Protein backbone atom coordinates (compact mmCIF):
# COMPACT_ATOMS: atom_id res chain seq x y z
CA MET A 1 -15.93 14.92 -8.87
CA ALA A 2 -14.01 17.73 -6.71
CA SER A 3 -11.51 20.35 -7.09
CA THR A 4 -8.02 19.70 -6.12
CA SER A 5 -5.27 21.72 -4.60
CA ILE A 6 -2.65 19.21 -5.67
CA GLU A 7 -0.51 20.79 -8.21
CA TRP A 8 0.05 18.45 -11.05
CA THR A 9 -3.57 17.56 -11.63
CA GLU A 10 -7.01 19.89 -11.73
CA MET A 11 -9.19 17.80 -10.00
CA THR A 12 -10.16 14.37 -8.51
CA TRP A 13 -12.82 11.49 -9.43
CA ASN A 14 -13.01 8.69 -6.66
CA PRO A 15 -14.75 5.40 -8.12
CA THR A 16 -13.05 3.91 -4.81
CA THR A 17 -12.07 4.97 -1.22
CA GLY A 18 -10.30 3.54 1.59
CA CYS A 19 -7.21 1.64 1.36
CA THR A 20 -5.14 -0.24 4.25
CA LYS A 21 -1.09 0.37 4.13
CA ILE A 22 1.45 -1.34 2.14
CA SER A 23 4.41 0.12 2.31
CA ALA A 24 6.38 2.52 4.38
CA GLY A 25 5.10 5.58 2.34
CA CYS A 26 1.61 4.64 3.60
CA LYS A 27 2.82 6.01 7.32
CA HIS A 28 1.39 8.93 7.43
CA CYS A 29 -1.61 8.94 4.58
CA TYR A 30 -3.28 11.76 3.62
CA ALA A 31 -6.36 10.12 2.36
CA GLU A 32 -6.38 8.06 5.96
CA VAL A 33 -7.07 11.54 7.66
CA MET A 34 -9.27 13.18 5.55
CA SER A 35 -11.53 10.06 5.26
CA LYS A 36 -11.88 10.58 9.23
CA ARG A 37 -12.43 14.01 8.86
CA LEU A 38 -15.34 13.44 6.24
CA LEU A 39 -17.15 10.59 8.25
CA ALA A 40 -17.26 13.02 10.94
CA MET A 41 -18.73 15.96 8.58
CA GLY A 42 -21.56 12.83 7.89
CA ILE A 43 -20.42 12.77 4.09
CA ASP A 44 -22.36 9.50 2.74
CA LYS A 45 -19.43 8.57 0.43
CA TYR A 46 -17.49 7.87 3.84
CA ALA A 47 -19.67 6.23 5.93
CA ASN A 48 -17.35 3.51 6.23
CA GLY A 49 -14.52 5.09 7.16
CA PHE A 50 -11.27 4.18 5.20
CA LYS A 51 -12.58 0.97 4.95
CA LEU A 52 -12.26 -0.14 1.04
CA THR A 53 -15.59 0.74 -0.61
CA LEU A 54 -16.73 0.19 -4.08
CA HIS A 55 -18.80 3.88 -5.83
CA GLU A 56 -20.81 2.47 -8.89
CA SER A 57 -22.88 5.23 -8.71
CA ALA A 58 -19.13 7.56 -9.08
CA LEU A 59 -18.75 5.89 -12.80
CA ASN A 60 -21.32 8.01 -14.31
CA ILE A 61 -19.23 11.20 -13.41
CA PRO A 62 -16.84 12.06 -16.11
CA TYR A 63 -19.57 11.67 -18.86
CA GLY A 64 -21.14 14.96 -17.37
CA TRP A 65 -18.43 17.30 -17.53
CA LYS A 66 -18.66 19.34 -20.38
CA SER A 67 -15.00 20.71 -20.90
CA PRO A 68 -11.61 18.88 -20.67
CA LYS A 69 -10.08 18.03 -17.72
CA ILE A 70 -6.75 16.66 -16.26
CA VAL A 71 -8.25 14.08 -13.21
CA PHE A 72 -6.11 12.24 -10.53
CA VAL A 73 -8.13 8.73 -10.26
CA ASN A 74 -8.90 7.49 -6.89
CA SER A 75 -6.94 10.15 -4.83
CA MET A 76 -8.63 8.74 -1.62
CA SER A 77 -7.95 5.04 -2.16
CA ASP A 78 -5.34 2.49 -4.87
CA MET A 79 -7.76 1.29 -7.80
CA PHE A 80 -5.20 -2.17 -7.79
CA HIS A 81 -5.69 -2.76 -4.30
CA LYS A 82 -5.96 -6.79 -3.53
CA ASP A 83 -9.76 -6.46 -2.76
CA VAL A 84 -10.70 -4.56 -5.89
CA PRO A 85 -12.22 -6.95 -8.15
CA PHE A 86 -11.07 -6.95 -11.91
CA GLU A 87 -14.40 -6.69 -13.07
CA PHE A 88 -14.47 -3.10 -11.30
CA ILE A 89 -11.07 -1.98 -12.23
CA LYS A 90 -12.15 -3.00 -16.36
CA LYS A 91 -15.25 -0.44 -15.69
CA VAL A 92 -13.51 2.25 -14.73
CA PHE A 93 -11.28 2.14 -17.45
CA GLU A 94 -14.02 1.74 -20.08
CA VAL A 95 -15.36 5.26 -18.50
CA MET A 96 -11.90 6.53 -19.08
CA ASN A 97 -11.90 4.70 -22.53
CA ASP A 98 -14.90 6.61 -23.93
CA ASN A 99 -13.90 9.84 -22.49
CA PRO A 100 -11.07 10.78 -24.45
CA GLN A 101 -11.02 14.27 -24.12
CA HIS A 102 -10.44 13.71 -20.57
CA VAL A 103 -6.87 13.08 -19.28
CA PHE A 104 -7.05 10.32 -16.41
CA GLN A 105 -3.80 9.94 -14.23
CA VAL A 106 -4.07 6.50 -11.88
CA LEU A 107 -1.04 6.23 -8.98
CA THR A 108 -0.95 3.18 -7.24
CA LYS A 109 1.46 1.37 -5.13
CA ARG A 110 0.21 -2.50 -6.05
CA SER A 111 2.72 -2.27 -9.37
CA GLU A 112 1.94 -6.30 -9.03
CA ASN A 113 -1.43 -6.03 -9.17
CA LEU A 114 -1.43 -3.32 -12.20
CA LEU A 115 1.15 -6.24 -14.40
CA LYS A 116 -1.22 -9.15 -13.55
CA TYR A 117 -3.93 -7.12 -14.94
CA SER A 118 -2.35 -4.65 -17.42
CA LYS A 119 -2.86 -6.81 -20.46
CA GLU A 120 -6.18 -7.30 -19.98
CA LEU A 121 -7.07 -3.82 -20.28
CA LYS A 122 -7.00 -1.39 -22.97
CA TRP A 123 -4.81 1.51 -22.34
CA THR A 124 -6.06 4.98 -24.39
CA HIS A 125 -3.54 7.67 -24.65
CA ASN A 126 -5.73 9.38 -22.20
CA ILE A 127 -4.71 7.21 -19.55
CA TRP A 128 -1.66 8.01 -17.50
CA MET A 129 -0.04 5.05 -15.09
CA GLY A 130 2.06 6.36 -12.14
CA VAL A 131 3.77 4.15 -9.52
CA SER A 132 4.34 5.13 -5.87
CA VAL A 133 8.37 5.39 -4.85
CA GLU A 134 9.03 6.93 -1.70
CA ASP A 135 12.54 4.95 -1.55
CA SER A 136 15.08 2.61 -2.36
CA ARG A 137 13.23 -0.37 -1.30
CA VAL A 138 10.49 -0.16 -3.62
CA VAL A 139 11.93 0.40 -6.88
CA HIS A 140 10.66 -2.80 -8.54
CA ARG A 141 7.17 -0.66 -9.19
CA ILE A 142 9.15 0.93 -11.86
CA ASP A 143 10.24 -2.09 -13.80
CA ASP A 144 6.55 -3.31 -13.48
CA LEU A 145 5.19 0.13 -14.80
CA ARG A 146 7.30 -0.23 -17.62
CA LYS A 147 5.66 -3.16 -18.77
CA THR A 148 2.63 -1.53 -18.89
CA LYS A 149 1.15 0.43 -22.89
CA ALA A 150 -0.06 2.96 -20.69
CA ARG A 151 0.87 6.13 -22.96
CA VAL A 152 2.40 8.72 -20.00
CA LYS A 153 4.26 6.67 -17.18
CA PHE A 154 5.40 8.73 -14.32
CA LEU A 155 6.79 8.01 -10.79
CA SER A 156 5.59 10.06 -8.17
CA CYS A 157 8.39 10.32 -5.73
CA GLU A 158 6.15 11.68 -2.62
CA PRO A 159 6.29 11.86 0.49
CA LEU A 160 10.34 10.79 -0.36
CA ILE A 161 11.72 9.64 2.36
CA GLY A 162 15.00 8.08 0.89
CA ALA A 163 17.57 8.66 -1.69
CA LEU A 164 16.63 7.24 -4.98
CA PRO A 165 20.14 7.22 -6.45
CA ASN A 166 20.21 5.14 -10.20
CA LEU A 167 17.02 5.11 -11.27
CA ASN A 168 16.06 3.39 -14.31
CA LEU A 169 14.18 5.99 -16.08
CA LYS A 170 13.39 4.18 -19.44
CA LYS A 171 10.47 4.68 -20.87
CA ILE A 172 9.36 6.86 -17.91
CA ASP A 173 7.85 10.12 -19.09
CA TRP A 174 7.61 11.64 -15.85
CA VAL A 175 8.12 12.17 -12.17
CA ILE A 176 7.21 13.94 -9.36
CA VAL A 177 9.20 14.83 -6.46
CA GLY A 178 7.61 15.84 -3.06
CA GLY A 179 8.35 16.00 0.62
CA GLU A 180 6.09 15.17 3.79
CA SER A 181 3.77 17.45 4.84
CA GLY A 182 1.50 17.15 8.28
CA ARG A 183 2.02 16.93 12.13
CA LYS A 184 4.99 14.80 11.68
CA PRO A 185 6.39 14.34 8.58
CA ARG A 186 9.34 12.79 8.25
CA PRO A 187 12.41 14.78 6.50
CA MET A 188 13.42 15.13 3.26
CA ASN A 189 16.89 15.69 1.73
CA GLU A 190 17.90 18.28 -0.46
CA ASP A 191 20.54 16.25 -1.82
CA TRP A 192 17.86 13.50 -2.85
CA VAL A 193 15.76 16.13 -4.83
CA LEU A 194 18.69 17.30 -6.71
CA ASP A 195 19.99 13.76 -7.19
CA ILE A 196 16.22 12.79 -8.87
CA GLN A 197 16.41 16.44 -10.71
CA ASP A 198 19.74 15.54 -12.34
CA GLN A 199 18.80 12.31 -13.55
CA CYS A 200 15.95 13.84 -15.04
CA LYS A 201 17.69 15.85 -17.11
CA LYS A 202 20.29 13.20 -18.05
CA ALA A 203 17.23 10.61 -19.34
CA ASP A 204 15.46 13.96 -20.92
CA VAL A 205 12.08 13.26 -18.72
CA SER A 206 10.43 15.76 -17.35
CA PHE A 207 10.66 16.84 -14.15
CA PHE A 208 7.95 18.29 -11.48
CA PHE A 209 9.16 19.08 -7.80
CA LYS A 210 5.62 19.89 -5.90
CA GLN A 211 6.68 20.77 -2.20
CA TRP A 212 9.17 20.71 0.22
CA GLY A 213 7.07 20.14 2.82
CA GLY A 214 7.18 19.94 6.46
CA THR A 215 4.75 20.86 9.29
CA ASN A 216 3.99 24.42 7.36
CA LYS A 217 4.43 23.60 3.91
CA LYS A 218 3.04 26.84 2.54
CA LYS A 219 6.25 28.71 3.82
CA ASN A 220 8.73 26.00 2.52
CA GLY A 221 7.33 26.32 -0.78
CA SER A 222 8.15 24.38 -4.00
CA LEU A 223 11.45 26.63 -5.34
CA ILE A 224 14.71 24.99 -6.18
CA ASN A 225 17.60 27.37 -5.79
CA GLY A 226 15.06 30.28 -6.45
CA LYS A 227 12.90 28.59 -9.38
CA LYS A 228 9.80 26.29 -9.98
CA TYR A 229 10.00 22.84 -11.60
CA PHE A 230 6.66 22.96 -12.66
CA ASP A 231 7.45 20.30 -16.11
CA PHE A 232 4.41 18.03 -17.57
CA PRO A 233 5.77 15.51 -19.28
CA PRO A 234 5.30 16.42 -24.02
CA GLN A 235 3.01 13.97 -24.28
CA TYR A 236 0.38 16.47 -22.32
CA TYR A 237 1.13 19.24 -25.10
CA GLN A 238 0.66 16.32 -27.71
CA HIS A 239 -2.82 16.47 -26.00
CA LEU A 240 -3.57 19.97 -26.08
CA GLU A 241 -3.48 19.90 -30.03
CA GLU A 242 -5.82 16.46 -30.29
CA LEU A 243 -8.19 18.38 -28.29
CA GLU A 244 -7.86 21.59 -30.71
CA ALA A 245 -8.25 18.62 -33.52
CA MET A 246 -11.46 17.38 -31.73
CA GLY A 247 -12.88 20.43 -31.76
CA TYR A 248 -12.47 21.83 -28.00
């Protein structure tokens, strides 16, 4: 496990590392950059750099957490990558099934594989499933997500590199939006953000604005008209009530 500065989660857990680029959102992949740094630092887990690698030993980690966590699963990979065996995906889900006190946030760009396997996976209440939607070319991922039985379904519109008008937000609980950061970030139009925010409001979907991004993301911040929008879905607060009932 590892602590993280990602605003919409508490920590990361990576049963797999490494990936391959599949759409425009992958162009400046932060995980690829970080993997190279960790390889250069001699971190054993990243000995293969950004080549897809399974880590069986990581499957036991959540069983050792003493207090409830919000966990981003595979921040350095994509669990539904075509080269991740379905049997391994099942093992990851079994770990999440066995630890209902934790919220596990899974995010993929491979929605076709998500849909392919979804009926064979056990969707316990603590598994939040999301798809990346960086521009209008990949909105089909939302339709695939909608067909799963995840308790919370969310969109990660980060990096947002194009307008997303007329989104179908039926059965979507949460939308995260953020601009690209790094050395050569692609620009994000303010109107794109405001339009998504308005669509979420009309559809009664929780809206989380992560950052404006840019070469100096700290300076640009995360305010929209002077206000932060760090909203979580209603199920998050239900989860807190469930934890209280479980004795946490």
